[in-house]
C-alpha atoms as a PDB file:
ATOM      1  CA  MET A   1       2.508 -68.371 -27.208  1.00  0.00           C
ATOM      2  CA  PRO A   2       1.000 -66.334 -30.050  1.00  0.00           C
ATOM      3  CA  VAL A   3       2.629 -63.034 -30.893  1.00  0.00           C
ATOM      4  CA  VAL A   4       0.302 -60.057 -30.562  1.00  0.00           C
ATOM      5  CA  ARG A   5       1.105 -57.334 -32.987  1.00  0.00           C
ATOM      6  CA  ARG A   6       0.196 -53.794 -32.232  1.00  0.00           C
ATOM      7  CA  PRO A   7      -0.586 -51.464 -35.075  1.00  0.00           C
ATOM      8  CA  PRO A   8       2.204 -48.998 -35.718  1.00  0.00           C
ATOM      9  CA  ARG A   9       1.846 -45.652 -34.007  1.00  0.00           C
ATOM     10  CA  LEU A  10       1.288 -42.831 -36.476  1.00  0.00           C
ATOM     11  CA  ILE A  11       1.940 -40.124 -33.916  1.00  0.00           C
ATOM     12  CA  PRO A  12       4.850 -40.438 -31.526  1.00  0.00           C
ATOM     13  CA  PRO A  13       3.718 -40.306 -27.879  1.00  0.00           C
ATOM     14  CA  LEU A  14       5.743 -37.184 -27.168  1.00  0.00           C
ATOM     15  CA  LEU A  15       3.780 -35.156 -29.768  1.00  0.00           C
ATOM     16  CA  LEU A  16       0.320 -36.015 -28.413  1.00  0.00           C
ATOM     17  CA  PRO A  17       0.264 -33.268 -25.726  1.00  0.00           C
ATOM     18  CA  VAL A  18       1.106 -30.691 -28.403  1.00  0.00           C
ATOM     19  CA  LEU A  19      -1.135 -31.941 -31.205  1.00  0.00           C
ATOM     20  CA  LEU A  20      -4.269 -32.694 -29.198  1.00  0.00           C
ATOM     21  CA  PRO A  21      -5.042 -29.024 -28.332  1.00  0.00           C
ATOM     22  CA  LEU A  22      -4.447 -28.064 -31.977  1.00  0.00           C
ATOM     23  CA  VAL A  23      -6.881 -30.714 -33.190  1.00  0.00           C
ATOM     24  CA  VAL A  24      -9.516 -29.524 -30.708  1.00  0.00           C
ATOM     25  CA  LEU A  25      -8.997 -25.906 -31.798  1.00  0.00           C
ATOM     26  CA  LEU A  26      -9.314 -26.787 -35.496  1.00  0.00           C
ATOM     27  CA  ALA A  27     -12.445 -28.835 -34.842  1.00  0.00           C
ATOM     28  CA  THR A  28     -13.960 -25.825 -33.076  1.00  0.00           C
ATOM     29  CA  LEU A  29     -13.045 -23.276 -35.751  1.00  0.00           C
ATOM     30  CA  LEU A  30     -13.743 -25.340 -38.861  1.00  0.00           C
ATOM     31  CA  PRO A  31     -17.539 -24.836 -38.827  1.00  0.00           C
ATOM     32  CA  LEU A  32     -16.997 -21.078 -38.522  1.00  0.00           C
ATOM     33  CA  ALA A  33     -14.738 -21.020 -41.574  1.00  0.00           C
ATOM     34  CA  ALA A  34     -17.403 -22.682 -43.709  1.00  0.00           C
ATOM     35  CA  ALA A  35     -20.109 -20.139 -42.831  1.00  0.00           C
ATOM     36  CA  PRO A  36     -20.081 -16.674 -44.438  1.00  0.00           C
ATOM     37  CA  PRO A  37     -19.416 -13.861 -41.981  1.00  0.00           C
ATOM     38  CA  ALA A  38     -22.531 -12.233 -40.527  1.00  0.00           C
ATOM     39  CA  TRP A  39     -21.410  -8.840 -41.817  1.00  0.00           C
ATOM     40  CA  ALA A  40     -20.990 -10.006 -45.413  1.00  0.00           C
ATOM     41  CA  ALA A  41     -22.697  -7.572 -47.786  1.00  0.00           C
ATOM     42  CA  MET A  42     -26.025  -8.655 -49.205  1.00  0.00           C
ATOM     43  CA  ASP A  43     -27.027  -8.290 -52.830  1.00  0.00           C
ATOM     44  CA  TYR A  44     -30.537  -7.014 -53.627  1.00  0.00           C
ATOM     45  CA  ALA A  45     -29.672  -6.113 -57.224  1.00  0.00           C
ATOM     46  CA  LYS A  46     -32.464  -6.077 -59.823  1.00  0.00           C
ATOM     47  CA  GLN A  47     -35.223  -6.875 -57.327  1.00  0.00           C
ATOM     48  CA  VAL A  48     -38.620  -5.315 -56.797  1.00  0.00           C
ATOM     49  CA  LEU A  49     -38.792  -4.114 -53.196  1.00  0.00           C
ATOM     50  CA  ILE A  50     -41.599  -1.575 -53.460  1.00  0.00           C
ATOM     51  CA  GLY A  51     -42.601  -0.283 -50.014  1.00  0.00           C
ATOM     52  CA  HIS A  52     -40.057  -2.486 -48.219  1.00  0.00           C
ATOM     53  CA  ASP A  53     -39.197  -1.414 -44.660  1.00  0.00           C
ATOM     54  CA  PHE A  54     -35.436  -1.045 -44.064  1.00  0.00           C
ATOM     55  CA  ALA A  55     -35.852   1.592 -41.313  1.00  0.00           C
ATOM     56  CA  GLY A  56     -32.863   1.672 -38.967  1.00  0.00           C
ATOM     57  CA  ALA A  57     -31.241  -1.340 -40.686  1.00  0.00           C
ATOM     58  CA  ASP A  58     -27.491  -1.915 -40.990  1.00  0.00           C
ATOM     59  CA  LEU A  59     -27.089  -1.984 -44.779  1.00  0.00           C
ATOM     60  CA  ARG A  60     -23.405  -1.103 -45.035  1.00  0.00           C
ATOM     61  CA  ALA A  61     -21.990  -2.052 -48.456  1.00  0.00           C
ATOM     62  CA  VAL A  62     -25.269  -3.672 -49.558  1.00  0.00           C
ATOM     63  CA  THR A  63     -25.968  -3.701 -53.305  1.00  0.00           C
ATOM     64  CA  PHE A  64     -29.298  -2.337 -54.594  1.00  0.00           C
ATOM     65  CA  ASN A  65     -28.211  -1.854 -58.220  1.00  0.00           C
ATOM     66  CA  LEU A  66     -31.159  -1.384 -60.615  1.00  0.00           C
ATOM     67  CA  THR A  67     -33.586  -2.239 -57.805  1.00  0.00           C
ATOM     68  CA  ASN A  68     -37.132  -0.842 -57.633  1.00  0.00           C
ATOM     69  CA  LEU A  69     -37.311   0.745 -54.163  1.00  0.00           C
ATOM     70  CA  ARG A  70     -40.313   2.982 -54.759  1.00  0.00           C
ATOM     71  CA  GLU A  71     -41.850   4.042 -51.418  1.00  0.00           C
ATOM     72  CA  ALA A  72     -39.239   2.032 -49.460  1.00  0.00           C
ATOM     73  CA  ASN A  73     -38.483   3.154 -45.924  1.00  0.00           C
ATOM     74  CA  PHE A  74     -34.783   3.667 -45.159  1.00  0.00           C
ATOM     75  CA  HIS A  75     -35.363   6.149 -42.304  1.00  0.00           C
ATOM     76  CA  GLY A  76     -32.244   6.150 -40.108  1.00  0.00           C
ATOM     77  CA  ALA A  77     -30.650   3.244 -42.015  1.00  0.00           C
ATOM     78  CA  ASP A  78     -26.881   2.820 -42.245  1.00  0.00           C
ATOM     79  CA  LEU A  79     -26.140   2.705 -45.986  1.00  0.00           C
ATOM     80  CA  ARG A  80     -22.446   3.614 -45.811  1.00  0.00           C
ATOM     81  CA  GLY A  81     -20.699   2.340 -48.920  1.00  0.00           C
ATOM     82  CA  ALA A  82     -23.928   0.886 -50.334  1.00  0.00           C
ATOM     83  CA  SER A  83     -24.458   0.773 -54.079  1.00  0.00           C
ATOM     84  CA  LEU A  84     -27.769   2.136 -55.337  1.00  0.00           C
ATOM     85  CA  PHE A  85     -26.678   2.450 -58.958  1.00  0.00           C
ATOM     86  CA  GLY A  86     -29.733   2.982 -61.163  1.00  0.00           C
ATOM     87  CA  ALA A  87     -32.107   2.333 -58.249  1.00  0.00           C
ATOM     88  CA  LYS A  88     -35.648   3.671 -58.462  1.00  0.00           C
ATOM     89  CA  LEU A  89     -36.186   5.584 -55.218  1.00  0.00           C
ATOM     90  CA  GLN A  90     -39.368   7.509 -56.038  1.00  0.00           C
ATOM     91  CA  ASP A  91     -41.206   8.581 -52.880  1.00  0.00           C
ATOM     92  CA  ALA A  92     -38.711   6.645 -50.728  1.00  0.00           C
ATOM     93  CA  ASP A  93     -37.887   7.775 -47.196  1.00  0.00           C
ATOM     94  CA  LEU A  94     -34.131   8.200 -46.742  1.00  0.00           C
ATOM     95  CA  SER A  95     -34.507  10.751 -43.952  1.00  0.00           C
ATOM     96  CA  GLY A  96     -31.770  10.502 -41.348  1.00  0.00           C
ATOM     97  CA  ALA A  97     -29.999   7.796 -43.368  1.00  0.00           C
ATOM     98  CA  ASP A  98     -26.213   7.541 -43.449  1.00  0.00           C
ATOM     99  CA  LEU A  99     -25.245   7.403 -47.132  1.00  0.00           C
ATOM    100  CA  ARG A 100     -21.567   8.278 -46.761  1.00  0.00           C
ATOM    101  CA  GLU A 101     -19.527   6.937 -49.687  1.00  0.00           C
ATOM    102  CA  ALA A 102     -22.661   5.409 -51.249  1.00  0.00           C
ATOM    103  CA  THR A 103     -23.061   5.116 -55.019  1.00  0.00           C
ATOM    104  CA  LEU A 104     -26.251   6.768 -56.248  1.00  0.00           C
ATOM    105  CA  ASP A 105     -25.185   7.274 -59.851  1.00  0.00           C
ATOM    106  CA  SER A 106     -28.080   7.013 -62.327  1.00  0.00           C
ATOM    107  CA  ALA A 107     -30.569   6.541 -59.485  1.00  0.00           C
ATOM    108  CA  VAL A 108     -33.997   8.175 -59.723  1.00  0.00           C
ATOM    109  CA  LEU A 109     -34.940  10.261 -56.691  1.00  0.00           C
ATOM    110  CA  ASP A 110     -38.336  11.818 -57.308  1.00  0.00           C
ATOM    111  CA  GLY A 111     -40.289  12.913 -54.258  1.00  0.00           C
ATOM    112  CA  THR A 112     -37.608  11.258 -52.130  1.00  0.00           C
ATOM    113  CA  ASP A 113     -37.146  12.382 -48.527  1.00  0.00           C
ATOM    114  CA  LEU A 114     -33.463  13.112 -47.819  1.00  0.00           C
ATOM    115  CA  ARG A 115     -34.035  15.338 -44.796  1.00  0.00           C
ATOM    116  CA  ASN A 116     -31.150  15.099 -42.303  1.00  0.00           C
ATOM    117  CA  ALA A 117     -29.425  12.409 -44.399  1.00  0.00           C
ATOM    118  CA  VAL A 118     -25.620  12.343 -44.586  1.00  0.00           C
ATOM    119  CA  LEU A 119     -24.376  11.864 -48.154  1.00  0.00           C
ATOM    120  CA  GLU A 120     -20.771  12.896 -47.557  1.00  0.00           C
ATOM    121  CA  ASP A 121     -18.420  11.567 -50.265  1.00  0.00           C
ATOM    122  CA  ALA A 122     -21.297   9.838 -52.074  1.00  0.00           C
ATOM    123  CA  PHE A 123     -21.195   9.515 -55.849  1.00  0.00           C
ATOM    124  CA  ALA A 124     -24.313  10.994 -57.456  1.00  0.00           C
ATOM    125  CA  PHE A 125     -23.181  12.727 -60.637  1.00  0.00           C
ATOM    126  CA  ASN A 126     -25.859  11.346 -62.983  1.00  0.00           C
ATOM    127  CA  THR A 127     -28.535  10.984 -60.320  1.00  0.00           C
ATOM    128  CA  LYS A 128     -31.980  12.432 -61.034  1.00  0.00           C
ATOM    129  CA  PHE A 129     -33.125  14.684 -58.167  1.00  0.00           C
ATOM    130  CA  THR A 130     -36.712  15.891 -58.651  1.00  0.00           C
ATOM    131  CA  ASN A 131     -38.985  17.245 -55.898  1.00  0.00           C
ATOM    132  CA  VAL A 132     -36.637  15.918 -53.192  1.00  0.00           C
ATOM    133  CA  LEU A 133     -36.781  17.084 -49.584  1.00  0.00           C
ATOM    134  CA  ILE A 134     -33.244  18.041 -48.549  1.00  0.00           C
ATOM    135  CA  ASP A 135     -33.657  20.147 -45.371  1.00  0.00           C
ATOM    136  CA  GLY A 136     -30.661  19.382 -43.162  1.00  0.00           C
ATOM    137  CA  ALA A 137     -29.016  16.998 -45.649  1.00  0.00           C
ATOM    138  CA  ASP A 138     -25.204  16.978 -45.811  1.00  0.00           C
ATOM    139  CA  PHE A 139     -23.829  16.783 -49.383  1.00  0.00           C
ATOM    140  CA  THR A 140     -20.151  17.377 -48.522  1.00  0.00           C
ATOM    141  CA  ASN A 141     -17.864  16.318 -51.416  1.00  0.00           C
ATOM    142  CA  VAL A 142     -20.712  15.043 -53.591  1.00  0.00           C
ATOM    143  CA  PRO A 143     -20.184  15.890 -57.283  1.00  0.00           C
ATOM    144  CA  PHE A 144     -23.258  17.202 -59.149  1.00  0.00           C
ATOM    145  CA  ARG A 145     -24.015  18.352 -62.667  1.00  0.00           C
ATOM    146  CA  GLY A 146     -24.579  22.117 -62.806  1.00  0.00           C
ATOM    147  CA  ASP A 147     -28.323  21.894 -63.507  1.00  0.00           C
ATOM    148  CA  VAL A 148     -28.888  19.519 -60.583  1.00  0.00           C
ATOM    149  CA  LEU A 149     -26.822  21.662 -58.248  1.00  0.00           C
ATOM    150  CA  ASN A 150     -28.858  24.767 -59.184  1.00  0.00           C
ATOM    151  CA  ARG A 151     -32.125  22.913 -58.507  1.00  0.00           C
ATOM    152  CA  LEU A 152     -30.889  21.610 -55.123  1.00  0.00           C
ATOM    153  CA  CYS A 153     -29.541  25.022 -54.078  1.00  0.00           C
ATOM    154  CA  ALA A 154     -32.942  26.573 -54.795  1.00  0.00           C
ATOM    155  CA  SER A 155     -34.517  24.537 -51.983  1.00  0.00           C
ATOM    156  CA  ALA A 156     -31.502  23.999 -49.668  1.00  0.00           C
ATOM    157  CA  SER A 157     -32.022  24.861 -46.019  1.00  0.00           C
ATOM    158  CA  GLY A 158     -31.332  23.571 -42.540  1.00  0.00           C
ATOM    159  CA  THR A 159     -28.377  22.079 -40.720  1.00  0.00           C
ATOM    160  CA  ASN A 160     -27.546  18.406 -40.454  1.00  0.00           C
ATOM    161  CA  PRO A 161     -27.992  17.204 -36.845  1.00  0.00           C
ATOM    162  CA  VAL A 162     -25.141  14.665 -37.127  1.00  0.00           C
ATOM    163  CA  THR A 163     -22.413  16.676 -38.865  1.00  0.00           C
ATOM    164  CA  GLY A 164     -23.532  20.184 -37.836  1.00  0.00           C
ATOM    165  CA  ARG A 165     -23.085  21.405 -41.420  1.00  0.00           C
ATOM    166  CA  ALA A 166     -25.561  23.673 -43.205  1.00  0.00           C
ATOM    167  CA  THR A 167     -27.070  22.088 -46.308  1.00  0.00           C
ATOM    168  CA  ARG A 168     -26.362  25.182 -48.442  1.00  0.00           C
ATOM    169  CA  ASP A 169     -22.703  25.129 -47.378  1.00  0.00           C
ATOM    170  CA  THR A 170     -22.279  21.431 -48.186  1.00  0.00           C
ATOM    171  CA  LEU A 171     -23.689  22.064 -51.670  1.00  0.00           C
ATOM    172  CA  GLU A 172     -21.438  25.126 -51.988  1.00  0.00           C
ATOM    173  CA  CYS A 173     -24.403  27.240 -53.060  1.00  0.00           C
ATOM    174  CA  GLY A 174     -23.432  30.798 -54.028  1.00  0.00           C
END
């Protein structure tokens, strides 16, 4: 009678009930590990996005460094922690936007609408503010050059509807 040889068992039978659920779990999670998380920050650096509509968008930690955003609509957008370093924001609508902890250094804001925006803890020391609308904006803890601060204080009015702070108080106008 011929001898039938079985292949050697790689996994002992007692370990199968333990290992099988682990293999199923890994097979389920592996595709998720390969995909980037949905909340991963996007990078729009050095792009031309003139007139683009970002109204109400979740743009937390998104990068817009050196991006042309002339006439872009960010009304009500969440830009917390976003980087707008050197961005061109002429005639852009940032009204009601949340710009807490955003980087606006060296950005150009000319004719930009910042009404009711929250810029608390944003960095905007070398930002150009010309003809901006700031009624109700909250600038708490935002460092400004003296000349920029004087220009903003000259037109500061209103109270931010989110934080309840007066614009003049957040700028520490005298």
